[in-house]
Amino acid sequence: MLRSMTGYGRGESMGFDWRCTAEIKAVNHRYCDISIRLPAMMNPYEDRIRKIIARGIHRGKVDVYIRIDSFGQQPVNVEVNTSVADGYMRAMHALLERYSVPDQATLAMLSSYPDVFMVDKTVTDETRNRVWTVLERTIAEAVAQFNEMRKVEGRVLYADILSKRTRLFDLLKGVVALLPEAEQDYEKRLRSRIDEVVSRIAEKTETSGKLSEMDENRIMVELAIYAERACVDEEMTRLDSHLKQLDQIMHEEDAVGRKLDFLVQELHRETNTIGSKTSNAAISRLVIEMKSEIEKIREQVQNVE
């Protein structure tokens, strides 16, 4: 069934004194564009994260937000940057000698200055592996929730496209029913014009003013030419086939947005050809309605993965 390109999913898991949260948001996009924001400690795992998401999401602009919190005591090493501290002390002594200010440097004051302490929060490979065990479950949960939401929206899209497809079938039947009438109308107009020309010639030449056998043959030839040029049997057959294929594609399990987009272009092409081949006003009105329905389908297809 269809899946929408837009959606939201969230996952959360805990383990080894770590809590991982993942959020996935997506909007329409021609290709699959995945953007991941995660803590620096897990940067080595970004490619793994991207592959997990790409297995479940094939199209759309996808933003992934990952947060990792620790509930345990992680090893932290704090050292004094003595060269920076020495520089601060020399500067304070210089101020004291120059301005004779009574205030004296204190340990609290010195320790509050930037870069006096160096904090090393180096994460070991063992810690990363533990976090990944939790994070992998979190991402899988977020993707599953995300896809479930897209399936719900996809069912709405399917119902809407299906109703417009049914409408197109009805309009197509209307065009088929009008084709014999269109040919008869053309024959009437053609005969009327020839009668008018023959009458004018008769007035000038004092002839009978009736169609000759040659004129009748010419009419038949013109009608045959018109029938060939105005024949839309092939277009009608292809339209019928495309509409049936539309429903088949919507039932496929893979991402079908691009297939549907191409199929809608073909529907437009065949409908335009039918419109250009006929001069019947009633058929022209039906063709306009068909184009309108196809355009509505096209707009919905833009939302399909």
Protein backbone atom coordinates (compact mmCIF):
# COMPACT_ATOMS: atom_id res chain seq x y z
CA MET A 1 0.00 0.00 0.00
CA LEU A 2 0.94 3.63 -0.35
CA ARG A 3 3.09 5.45 2.20
CA SER A 4 3.19 9.20 2.60
CA MET A 5 6.55 10.97 2.51
CA THR A 6 5.64 13.11 5.53
CA GLY A 7 5.60 11.68 9.03
CA TYR A 8 6.96 11.67 12.55
CA GLY A 9 8.35 8.91 14.75
CA ARG A 10 9.94 8.75 18.19
CA GLY A 11 11.84 6.05 20.02
CA GLU A 12 13.29 5.83 23.52
CA SER A 13 15.30 3.08 25.24
CA MET A 14 17.39 2.66 28.39
CA GLY A 15 20.26 0.36 29.32
CA PHE A 16 23.76 0.34 30.87
CA ASP A 17 22.97 3.60 32.70
CA TRP A 18 22.23 5.33 29.37
CA ARG A 19 19.00 6.67 27.95
CA CYS A 20 18.72 7.25 24.19
CA THR A 21 16.00 9.23 22.43
CA ALA A 22 15.54 9.45 18.66
CA GLU A 23 13.09 11.59 16.68
CA ILE A 24 12.47 11.32 12.95
CA LYS A 25 10.66 13.96 10.89
CA ALA A 26 10.23 14.01 7.11
CA VAL A 27 8.74 16.19 4.39
CA ASN A 28 8.39 15.78 0.64
CA HIS A 29 11.55 15.54 -1.44
CA ARG A 30 12.37 14.14 -4.84
CA TYR A 31 15.13 11.91 -3.47
CA CYS A 32 16.12 10.42 -0.10
CA ASP A 33 17.98 13.12 1.86
CA ILE A 34 18.84 12.07 5.42
CA SER A 35 20.25 14.60 7.90
CA ILE A 36 21.41 13.31 11.32
CA ARG A 37 22.16 15.30 14.45
CA LEU A 38 23.72 13.28 17.26
CA PRO A 39 26.18 13.74 20.14
CA ALA A 40 29.84 13.84 19.13
CA MET A 41 30.63 10.71 21.17
CA MET A 42 28.62 8.61 18.67
CA ASN A 43 29.96 10.16 15.46
CA PRO A 44 31.76 6.90 14.53
CA TYR A 45 28.33 5.25 14.33
CA GLU A 46 26.68 7.78 12.03
CA ASP A 47 27.05 5.57 8.97
CA ARG A 48 25.35 2.66 10.78
CA ILE A 49 22.50 4.94 11.82
CA ARG A 50 22.08 6.18 8.26
CA LYS A 51 21.90 2.62 6.88
CA ILE A 52 19.22 1.58 9.40
CA ILE A 53 17.08 4.58 8.46
CA ALA A 54 17.64 4.11 4.71
CA ARG A 55 16.38 0.52 4.95
CA GLY A 56 12.99 1.75 6.15
CA ILE A 57 12.75 5.12 4.36
CA HIS A 58 13.36 5.44 0.62
CA ARG A 59 12.22 8.94 -0.28
CA GLY A 60 11.82 12.32 1.42
CA LYS A 61 13.84 14.93 3.30
CA VAL A 62 14.45 13.18 6.61
CA ASP A 63 15.72 14.91 9.76
CA VAL A 64 16.93 12.69 12.60
CA TYR A 65 17.55 14.07 16.11
CA ILE A 66 19.34 11.86 18.66
CA ARG A 67 19.87 12.61 22.34
CA ILE A 68 21.95 10.51 24.75
CA ASP A 69 21.86 10.96 28.54
CA SER A 70 23.90 9.16 31.19
CA PHE A 71 22.52 8.18 34.61
CA GLY A 72 25.73 6.64 35.86
CA GLN A 73 29.10 8.11 36.80
CA GLN A 74 31.25 8.27 33.71
CA PRO A 75 35.05 8.54 34.02
CA VAL A 76 36.19 12.15 33.82
CA ASN A 77 39.81 13.37 34.13
CA VAL A 78 40.37 17.00 35.24
CA GLU A 79 43.83 18.60 35.03
CA VAL A 80 45.17 22.09 35.63
CA ASN A 81 46.47 24.01 32.66
CA THR A 82 49.44 25.46 34.55
CA SER A 83 50.67 27.59 31.66
CA VAL A 84 47.32 29.39 31.47
CA ALA A 85 47.14 29.76 35.28
CA ASP A 86 50.70 31.18 35.36
CA GLY A 87 49.72 33.71 32.73
CA TYR A 88 46.70 34.86 34.77
CA MET A 89 48.86 35.21 37.90
CA ARG A 90 51.52 37.27 36.13
CA ALA A 91 48.83 39.56 34.72
CA MET A 92 47.22 40.06 38.16
CA HIS A 93 50.59 40.85 39.80
CA ALA A 94 51.29 43.38 37.06
CA LEU A 95 47.95 45.07 37.77
CA LEU A 96 48.69 45.09 41.50
CA GLU A 97 52.13 46.70 41.04
CA ARG A 98 50.90 49.30 38.54
CA TYR A 99 47.72 50.44 40.28
CA SER A 100 48.35 49.44 43.91
CA VAL A 101 44.89 47.98 44.24
CA PRO A 102 44.23 46.34 47.64
CA ASP A 103 42.48 43.22 46.31
CA GLN A 104 44.51 40.01 46.30
CA ALA A 105 44.29 36.98 43.98
CA THR A 106 42.47 33.98 45.49
CA LEU A 107 42.19 30.35 44.49
CA ALA A 108 38.47 30.73 43.79
CA MET A 109 39.16 33.71 41.54
CA LEU A 110 41.92 31.95 39.63
CA SER A 111 39.92 28.76 39.15
CA SER A 112 36.98 30.71 37.66
CA TYR A 113 39.00 31.96 34.71
CA PRO A 114 38.54 30.23 31.34
CA ASP A 115 40.77 27.31 30.34
CA VAL A 116 42.44 26.97 33.75
CA PHE A 117 41.03 23.46 34.05
CA MET A 118 41.23 20.87 31.28
CA VAL A 119 38.36 18.36 31.40
CA ASP A 120 38.86 15.10 29.53
CA LYS A 121 35.64 13.16 28.91
CA THR A 122 37.18 10.63 26.59
CA VAL A 123 34.69 7.90 25.72
CA THR A 124 36.12 4.42 25.39
CA ASP A 125 35.16 2.00 22.63
CA GLU A 126 33.55 -0.25 25.25
CA THR A 127 31.28 2.62 26.34
CA ARG A 128 30.34 3.43 22.76
CA ASN A 129 29.45 -0.21 22.11
CA ARG A 130 27.16 -0.24 25.16
CA VAL A 131 25.49 3.00 24.07
CA TRP A 132 25.07 1.61 20.54
CA THR A 133 23.24 -1.43 21.89
CA VAL A 134 20.65 0.93 23.38
CA LEU A 135 20.67 3.42 20.51
CA GLU A 136 20.10 0.75 17.85
CA ARG A 137 16.85 -0.31 19.54
CA THR A 138 15.83 3.33 19.85
CA ILE A 139 16.31 4.09 16.18
CA ALA A 140 14.47 0.93 15.11
CA GLU A 141 11.53 1.93 17.30
CA ALA A 142 11.50 5.48 15.87
CA VAL A 143 11.59 4.18 12.27
CA ALA A 144 8.76 1.71 12.97
CA GLN A 145 6.58 4.43 14.51
CA PHE A 146 7.45 6.79 11.68
CA ASN A 147 6.47 4.26 9.01
CA GLU A 148 3.24 3.40 10.80
CA MET A 149 2.21 7.06 10.68
CA ARG A 150 3.11 7.22 7.00
CA LYS A 151 1.00 4.14 6.29
CA VAL A 152 -2.01 5.78 7.94
CA GLU A 153 -1.57 8.87 5.77
CA GLY A 154 -0.96 6.59 2.79
CA ARG A 155 -4.37 4.98 3.22
CA VAL A 156 -5.96 8.42 3.03
CA LEU A 157 -3.99 9.19 -0.13
CA TYR A 158 -4.98 5.85 -1.66
CA ALA A 159 -8.70 6.44 -1.02
CA ASP A 160 -8.52 9.91 -2.55
CA ILE A 161 -6.58 8.82 -5.66
CA LEU A 162 -8.91 5.84 -6.08
CA SER A 163 -12.01 8.07 -6.06
CA LYS A 164 -10.47 10.30 -8.74
CA ARG A 165 -9.52 7.22 -10.77
CA THR A 166 -13.17 6.09 -10.66
CA ARG A 167 -14.23 9.55 -11.82
CA LEU A 168 -11.79 9.31 -14.74
CA PHE A 169 -13.26 5.96 -15.79
CA ASP A 170 -16.73 7.55 -15.82
CA LEU A 171 -15.50 10.48 -17.93
CA LEU A 172 -13.77 8.06 -20.30
CA LYS A 173 -17.04 6.18 -20.81
CA GLY A 174 -18.70 9.51 -21.57
CA VAL A 175 -16.14 10.25 -24.27
CA VAL A 176 -16.66 6.80 -25.84
CA ALA A 177 -20.42 7.35 -25.95
CA LEU A 178 -20.00 10.70 -27.72
CA LEU A 179 -17.56 9.58 -30.44
CA PRO A 180 -20.25 8.41 -32.96
CA GLU A 181 -22.13 11.66 -32.47
CA ALA A 182 -18.90 13.62 -33.07
CA GLU A 183 -18.38 11.84 -36.40
CA GLN A 184 -21.98 12.50 -37.45
CA ASP A 185 -21.64 16.18 -36.52
CA TYR A 186 -18.56 16.45 -38.68
CA GLU A 187 -20.33 14.81 -41.61
CA LYS A 188 -23.26 17.27 -41.28
CA ARG A 189 -20.93 20.27 -41.21
CA LEU A 190 -18.96 18.96 -44.14
CA ARG A 191 -22.09 18.33 -46.24
CA SER A 192 -23.48 21.74 -45.28
CA ARG A 193 -20.34 23.48 -46.45
CA ILE A 194 -20.22 21.55 -49.72
CA ASP A 195 -23.94 22.25 -50.34
CA GLU A 196 -23.27 25.93 -49.82
CA VAL A 197 -20.37 25.90 -52.27
CA VAL A 198 -22.36 23.92 -54.88
CA SER A 199 -25.32 26.32 -54.57
CA ARG A 200 -23.09 29.32 -55.19
CA ILE A 201 -21.59 27.66 -58.23
CA ALA A 202 -25.10 26.80 -59.50
CA GLU A 203 -26.21 30.43 -59.27
CA LYS A 204 -23.34 31.50 -61.50
CA THR A 205 -23.42 28.64 -63.98
CA GLU A 206 -27.18 27.86 -64.01
CA THR A 207 -26.54 24.19 -63.14
CA SER A 208 -28.83 21.97 -61.08
CA GLY A 209 -27.20 22.78 -57.75
CA LYS A 210 -27.15 19.12 -56.73
CA LEU A 211 -24.16 17.11 -55.59
CA SER A 212 -22.57 15.06 -58.32
CA GLU A 213 -21.24 11.57 -57.89
CA MET A 214 -17.77 13.07 -57.78
CA ASP A 215 -18.85 15.35 -54.90
CA GLU A 216 -20.29 12.40 -53.00
CA ASN A 217 -17.05 10.51 -53.45
CA ARG A 218 -15.12 13.52 -52.22
CA ILE A 219 -17.28 13.68 -49.08
CA MET A 220 -16.64 10.03 -48.39
CA VAL A 221 -12.90 10.60 -48.80
CA GLU A 222 -12.99 13.60 -46.43
CA LEU A 223 -14.98 11.62 -43.89
CA ALA A 224 -12.47 8.79 -44.11
CA ILE A 225 -9.59 11.23 -43.57
CA TYR A 226 -11.40 12.80 -40.63
CA ALA A 227 -12.17 9.40 -39.13
CA GLU A 228 -8.49 8.47 -39.35
CA ARG A 229 -7.23 11.75 -37.94
CA ALA A 230 -9.87 11.96 -35.23
CA CYS A 231 -9.67 8.31 -34.25
CA VAL A 232 -8.78 8.13 -30.56
CA ASP A 233 -9.13 4.37 -30.13
CA GLU A 234 -5.45 3.94 -29.31
CA GLU A 235 -5.48 6.81 -26.83
CA MET A 236 -8.63 5.48 -25.17
CA THR A 237 -7.11 2.00 -24.89
CA ARG A 238 -3.92 3.35 -23.37
CA LEU A 239 -5.86 5.54 -20.95
CA ASP A 240 -7.88 2.55 -19.82
CA SER A 241 -4.69 0.52 -19.40
CA HIS A 242 -2.93 3.31 -17.45
CA LEU A 243 -5.87 3.70 -15.07
CA LYS A 244 -5.90 -0.02 -14.35
CA GLN A 245 -2.14 0.04 -13.85
CA LEU A 246 -2.55 2.94 -11.44
CA ASP A 247 -4.37 0.72 -8.95
CA GLN A 248 -1.89 -2.12 -9.41
CA ILE A 249 1.07 0.13 -8.63
CA MET A 250 -0.62 1.53 -5.52
CA HIS A 251 -0.76 -2.02 -4.11
CA GLU A 252 2.97 -2.63 -4.50
CA GLU A 253 5.06 -2.83 -1.33
CA ASP A 254 8.02 -0.81 -2.58
CA ALA A 255 8.27 2.97 -2.86
CA VAL A 256 6.05 3.78 -5.85
CA GLY A 257 5.96 7.59 -5.91
CA ARG A 258 8.18 7.94 -8.97
CA LYS A 259 6.28 5.24 -10.87
CA LEU A 260 3.00 7.00 -10.15
CA ASP A 261 4.46 10.34 -11.16
CA PHE A 262 5.51 8.92 -14.54
CA LEU A 263 2.12 7.25 -15.02
CA VAL A 264 0.30 10.52 -14.34
CA GLN A 265 2.41 12.18 -17.04
CA GLU A 266 1.26 9.50 -19.47
CA LEU A 267 -2.37 10.07 -18.47
CA HIS A 268 -1.91 13.76 -19.23
CA ARG A 269 -0.32 13.00 -22.59
CA GLU A 270 -3.10 10.70 -23.80
CA THR A 271 -5.83 13.06 -22.59
CA ASN A 272 -4.22 16.02 -24.36
CA THR A 273 -4.06 14.01 -27.58
CA ILE A 274 -7.77 13.16 -27.36
CA GLY A 275 -8.57 16.84 -26.83
CA SER A 276 -6.49 17.91 -29.82
CA LYS A 277 -8.11 15.35 -32.14
CA THR A 278 -11.74 16.23 -31.52
CA SER A 279 -13.74 19.36 -32.31
CA ASN A 280 -16.87 18.17 -30.51
CA ALA A 281 -17.79 20.63 -27.77
CA ALA A 282 -19.22 17.98 -25.45
CA ILE A 283 -16.08 15.84 -25.71
CA SER A 284 -13.92 18.92 -25.15
CA ARG A 285 -15.76 19.62 -21.91
CA LEU A 286 -15.21 16.05 -20.75
CA VAL A 287 -11.52 16.28 -21.64
CA ILE A 288 -11.19 19.43 -19.51
CA GLU A 289 -12.76 17.60 -16.58
CA MET A 290 -10.39 14.68 -17.14
CA LYS A 291 -7.39 17.01 -17.08
CA SER A 292 -8.66 18.51 -13.84
CA GLU A 293 -8.95 15.09 -12.18
CA ILE A 294 -5.52 14.03 -13.44
CA GLU A 295 -4.00 17.22 -12.03
CA LYS A 296 -5.59 16.45 -8.65
CA ILE A 297 -4.06 12.97 -8.77
CA ARG A 298 -0.68 14.48 -9.67
CA GLU A 299 -0.83 16.75 -6.61
CA GLN A 300 -1.53 13.76 -4.35
CA VAL A 301 1.17 11.65 -5.97
CA GLN A 302 3.72 14.30 -4.97
CA ASN A 303 3.09 13.21 -1.37
CA VAL A 304 3.71 9.51 -2.02
CA GLU A 305 7.03 7.86 -1.13
